[in-house]
Amino acid sequence: MALSVDDRLAILELAARYSHALDAGDEAAFLNTFTEDGVFEFVHHFTVRPAELLALRARQGRTVRHWTTNPIVDGDGDAATLQLDLMVINREGAARHIVLTGIYRDQLRRVDGAWKFAHRQLTEDST
């Protein structure tokens, strides 16, 4: 069965909750965006569990904001994919600048009625 409009909206909200939780350092909310066996893959660098990613993020401080756009959602039943463009902005002080741009390619799974990231892959733009 194709994804419903409610599924698509829930997936978009999941992506937003991920960014808000990561930027705020809200560990519980961040970890709740992943399945129990979920992983984050930073292409050409490393693959980590969500808790490890949160620890790496904590060392950076809370001076960046993750912005995503151009969502493409596809799926069927309890599995879906999501692709998003990403821009990370340093928001410390008056000199704000782009730290990173890239593309998220996600595999999602419905767990107990809620959509979660099973595999979140980030490919950094080379330009």
Foldseek 3Di string as FASTA:
>chain_A
DWDDPVRVVLVVVLVVQCQVCLLVLVVVSNLVQADPQAWEAEPPPDIGRSVVVSVVSVVVPNQKGKDWDDWDWTDDDFKIKIKIWIWIWGRPDDDIDTDWIWMWIFIWGQDPNHIHTRYIYTYTDPD
